[in-house]
């Protein structure tokens, strides 16, 4: 599974750094480092929607406040 988080300027302002840090923590806490690849990219073109995140081919809008729920439903449930 590959998770990509936008680290462009608009998403950075909306908390992409915190999203990345929380995802790193959750991946490690759940012992998924060998199953989940976490990466960053610049603008995904949907800046108005919050921090842009893709999981494989799916697109999601995440915030530092929703990242834990996102991880549980979109990552843990599918690994």
Protein backbone atom coordinates (compact mmCIF):
# COMPACT_ATOMS: atom_id res chain seq x y z
CA UNK A 1 0.00 0.00 0.00
CA UNK A 2 1.31 3.44 -0.91
CA UNK A 3 0.17 6.60 0.90
CA UNK A 4 1.14 9.93 -0.65
CA UNK A 5 0.63 13.23 1.17
CA UNK A 6 0.74 16.60 -0.56
CA UNK A 7 3.41 18.84 0.94
CA UNK A 8 2.78 21.81 -1.35
CA UNK A 9 2.31 25.28 0.09
CA UNK A 10 -1.51 25.22 0.35
CA UNK A 11 -1.58 21.80 2.04
CA UNK A 12 1.37 22.77 4.24
CA UNK A 13 -0.65 25.71 5.58
CA UNK A 14 -3.56 23.31 6.27
CA UNK A 15 -1.36 20.95 8.32
CA UNK A 16 0.29 18.47 5.97
CA UNK A 17 3.36 18.26 8.20
CA UNK A 18 1.23 17.19 11.17
CA UNK A 19 -0.62 14.70 8.93
CA UNK A 20 2.69 13.17 7.81
CA UNK A 21 4.00 12.99 11.38
CA UNK A 22 0.82 11.34 12.64
CA UNK A 23 0.82 8.84 9.77
CA UNK A 24 4.48 7.98 10.48
CA UNK A 25 3.57 7.37 14.13
CA UNK A 26 0.46 5.29 13.32
CA UNK A 27 2.34 3.17 10.77
CA UNK A 28 5.09 2.44 13.31
CA UNK A 29 2.64 1.88 16.19
CA UNK A 30 0.73 -0.70 14.14
CA UNK A 31 3.91 -2.42 12.87
CA UNK A 32 3.08 -1.68 9.23
CA UNK A 33 6.44 -0.36 8.00
CA UNK A 34 6.85 -3.42 5.76
CA UNK A 35 3.32 -3.09 4.31
CA UNK A 36 2.77 0.67 3.97
CA UNK A 37 4.97 3.08 2.01
CA UNK A 38 4.56 6.74 2.99
CA UNK A 39 5.68 9.44 0.57
CA UNK A 40 5.23 13.09 -0.24
CA UNK A 41 4.47 15.00 -3.41
CA UNK A 42 3.75 18.54 -4.46
CA UNK A 43 0.42 19.93 -5.62
CA UNK A 44 -2.27 17.41 -6.52
CA UNK A 45 -4.50 20.16 -7.91
CA UNK A 46 -7.25 20.02 -5.28
CA UNK A 47 -5.92 22.68 -2.92
CA UNK A 48 -9.32 23.87 -1.72
CA UNK A 49 -10.15 20.48 -0.18
CA UNK A 50 -7.66 20.37 2.69
CA UNK A 51 -4.55 18.22 2.93
CA UNK A 52 -4.61 16.00 -0.16
CA UNK A 53 -3.77 12.33 0.42
CA UNK A 54 -3.87 9.34 -1.89
CA UNK A 55 -3.95 5.71 -0.86
CA UNK A 56 -3.02 3.66 -3.91
CA UNK A 57 -5.57 5.07 -6.41
CA UNK A 58 -8.02 6.62 -3.94
CA UNK A 59 -8.08 10.36 -3.19
CA UNK A 60 -8.88 11.76 0.27
CA UNK A 61 -8.99 15.10 2.01
CA UNK A 62 -7.47 14.82 5.49
CA UNK A 63 -6.74 17.25 8.32
CA UNK A 64 -4.60 16.85 11.44
CA UNK A 65 -7.88 16.36 13.33
CA UNK A 66 -9.18 13.56 11.07
CA UNK A 67 -5.99 11.66 10.29
CA UNK A 68 -6.52 8.98 12.98
CA UNK A 69 -10.02 8.12 11.72
CA UNK A 70 -8.75 8.19 8.13
CA UNK A 71 -5.94 5.79 9.05
CA UNK A 72 -8.30 3.37 10.78
CA UNK A 73 -10.86 3.26 7.95
CA UNK A 74 -8.67 3.60 4.86
CA UNK A 75 -5.41 1.93 5.93
CA UNK A 76 -5.90 -0.47 8.84
CA UNK A 77 -9.13 -1.87 7.41
CA UNK A 78 -7.42 -2.64 4.08
CA UNK A 79 -4.01 -3.97 5.12
